[in-house]
Amino acid sequence: MFDLLIRGARVIDGTGRPRFSSDIGINKGRIDTVGAVPADTPSSRTIDATGLIASPGFIDIHTHADIALMARPAHLP
């Protein structure tokens, strides 16, 4: 049983290998499975991601820390 099951996503995993089709199972807010999940596996919520791209495990490190480079030019190469 998954809290969330994402079916049929094209996965880009950040390793440099080509994208691949996969299911992604999530429990308690954490990725539990990346791979084929049997069709009869229950889940609280299922998303059909056919034709969509997923990047499981990536962390969004969006920040505006680059302003420090403009404020202190000595840090520039």
C-alpha atoms as a PDB file:
ATOM      1  CA  MET A   1       0.000   0.000   0.000  1.00  0.00           C
ATOM      2  CA  PHE A   2       1.292   3.446  -0.953  1.00  0.00           C
ATOM      3  CA  ASP A   3       0.097   6.845   0.203  1.00  0.00           C
ATOM      4  CA  LEU A   4       0.765   8.086  -3.328  1.00  0.00           C
ATOM      5  CA  LEU A   5       1.498   6.122  -6.480  1.00  0.00           C
ATOM      6  CA  ILE A   6       2.705   7.898  -9.604  1.00  0.00           C
ATOM      7  CA  ARG A   7       2.215   5.662 -12.638  1.00  0.00           C
ATOM      8  CA  GLY A   8       4.077   5.673 -15.956  1.00  0.00           C
ATOM      9  CA  ALA A   9       6.283   8.743 -15.519  1.00  0.00           C
ATOM     10  CA  ARG A  10       9.341   9.320 -17.673  1.00  0.00           C
ATOM     11  CA  VAL A  11      12.000   9.455 -14.974  1.00  0.00           C
ATOM     12  CA  ILE A  12      15.131  11.579 -15.172  1.00  0.00           C
ATOM     13  CA  ASP A  13      17.196  10.542 -12.167  1.00  0.00           C
ATOM     14  CA  GLY A  14      20.216  12.844 -12.422  1.00  0.00           C
ATOM     15  CA  THR A  15      22.735  10.062 -13.068  1.00  0.00           C
ATOM     16  CA  GLY A  16      23.207  10.986 -16.718  1.00  0.00           C
ATOM     17  CA  ARG A  17      21.570   7.839 -18.055  1.00  0.00           C
ATOM     18  CA  PRO A  18      18.671   8.197 -20.490  1.00  0.00           C
ATOM     19  CA  ARG A  19      15.205   8.810 -19.120  1.00  0.00           C
ATOM     20  CA  PHE A  20      13.137   5.696 -18.451  1.00  0.00           C
ATOM     21  CA  SER A  21       9.508   4.861 -17.840  1.00  0.00           C
ATOM     22  CA  SER A  22       8.727   4.003 -14.232  1.00  0.00           C
ATOM     23  CA  ASP A  23       6.255   4.059 -11.396  1.00  0.00           C
ATOM     24  CA  ILE A  24       7.059   5.938  -8.177  1.00  0.00           C
ATOM     25  CA  GLY A  25       5.618   4.851  -4.845  1.00  0.00           C
ATOM     26  CA  ILE A  26       5.580   7.256  -1.901  1.00  0.00           C
ATOM     27  CA  ASN A  27       4.892   6.518   1.763  1.00  0.00           C
ATOM     28  CA  LYS A  28       4.851   9.041   4.619  1.00  0.00           C
ATOM     29  CA  GLY A  29       6.251  11.768   2.368  1.00  0.00           C
ATOM     30  CA  ARG A  30       9.262   9.722   1.246  1.00  0.00           C
ATOM     31  CA  ILE A  31      10.046   7.896  -1.976  1.00  0.00           C
ATOM     32  CA  ASP A  32       9.700   4.202  -1.250  1.00  0.00           C
ATOM     33  CA  THR A  33       9.927   2.661  -4.733  1.00  0.00           C
ATOM     34  CA  VAL A  34      11.103   3.691  -8.182  1.00  0.00           C
ATOM     35  CA  GLY A  35      10.380   0.914 -10.646  1.00  0.00           C
ATOM     36  CA  ALA A  36       7.586  -1.308 -11.870  1.00  0.00           C
ATOM     37  CA  VAL A  37       4.769  -1.575  -9.345  1.00  0.00           C
ATOM     38  CA  PRO A  38       2.194  -4.352  -9.921  1.00  0.00           C
ATOM     39  CA  ALA A  39      -1.141  -3.110 -11.281  1.00  0.00           C
ATOM     40  CA  ASP A  40      -3.110  -4.410  -8.291  1.00  0.00           C
ATOM     41  CA  THR A  41      -1.015  -2.520  -5.705  1.00  0.00           C
ATOM     42  CA  PRO A  42      -3.325  -0.360  -3.583  1.00  0.00           C
ATOM     43  CA  SER A  43      -2.683   3.322  -2.913  1.00  0.00           C
ATOM     44  CA  SER A  44      -4.547   6.152  -1.236  1.00  0.00           C
ATOM     45  CA  ARG A  45      -4.026   8.305  -4.321  1.00  0.00           C
ATOM     46  CA  THR A  46      -2.815   7.484  -7.824  1.00  0.00           C
ATOM     47  CA  ILE A  47      -1.562   9.934 -10.437  1.00  0.00           C
ATOM     48  CA  ASP A  48      -1.349   8.944 -14.106  1.00  0.00           C
ATOM     49  CA  ALA A  49       1.911  10.563 -15.227  1.00  0.00           C
ATOM     50  CA  THR A  50       1.911   9.098 -18.737  1.00  0.00           C
ATOM     51  CA  GLY A  51       3.740  11.549 -20.995  1.00  0.00           C
ATOM     52  CA  LEU A  52       5.049  13.566 -18.042  1.00  0.00           C
ATOM     53  CA  ILE A  53       8.550  13.756 -16.576  1.00  0.00           C
ATOM     54  CA  ALA A  54       9.391  13.116 -12.921  1.00  0.00           C
ATOM     55  CA  SER A  55      12.700  13.679 -11.168  1.00  0.00           C
ATOM     56  CA  PRO A  56      12.375  11.780  -7.902  1.00  0.00           C
ATOM     57  CA  GLY A  57      14.853  12.665  -5.195  1.00  0.00           C
ATOM     58  CA  PHE A  58      15.871  16.066  -6.524  1.00  0.00           C
ATOM     59  CA  ILE A  59      15.963  18.800  -3.921  1.00  0.00           C
ATOM     60  CA  ASP A  60      15.032  22.313  -4.978  1.00  0.00           C
ATOM     61  CA  ILE A  61      17.878  24.455  -3.668  1.00  0.00           C
ATOM     62  CA  HIS A  62      16.445  27.668  -5.058  1.00  0.00           C
ATOM     63  CA  THR A  63      18.135  30.543  -3.333  1.00  0.00           C
ATOM     64  CA  HIS A  64      19.063  34.140  -3.947  1.00  0.00           C
ATOM     65  CA  ALA A  65      22.539  33.769  -2.467  1.00  0.00           C
ATOM     66  CA  ASP A  66      24.022  34.857  -5.811  1.00  0.00           C
ATOM     67  CA  ILE A  67      23.412  38.451  -4.711  1.00  0.00           C
ATOM     68  CA  ALA A  68      26.515  38.045  -2.519  1.00  0.00           C
ATOM     69  CA  LEU A  69      28.632  37.789  -5.676  1.00  0.00           C
ATOM     70  CA  MET A  70      27.339  41.116  -6.937  1.00  0.00           C
ATOM     71  CA  ALA A  71      27.680  42.776  -3.536  1.00  0.00           C
ATOM     72  CA  ARG A  72      31.242  41.494  -3.043  1.00  0.00           C
ATOM     73  CA  PRO A  73      32.908  41.397  -6.499  1.00  0.00           C
ATOM     74  CA  ALA A  74      36.163  40.039  -5.073  1.00  0.00           C
ATOM     75  CA  HIS A  75      34.436  36.659  -5.027  1.00  0.00           C
ATOM     76  CA  LEU A  76      34.117  36.693  -8.809  1.00  0.00           C
ATOM     77  CA  PRO A  77      36.736  34.663 -10.752  1.00  0.00           C
END
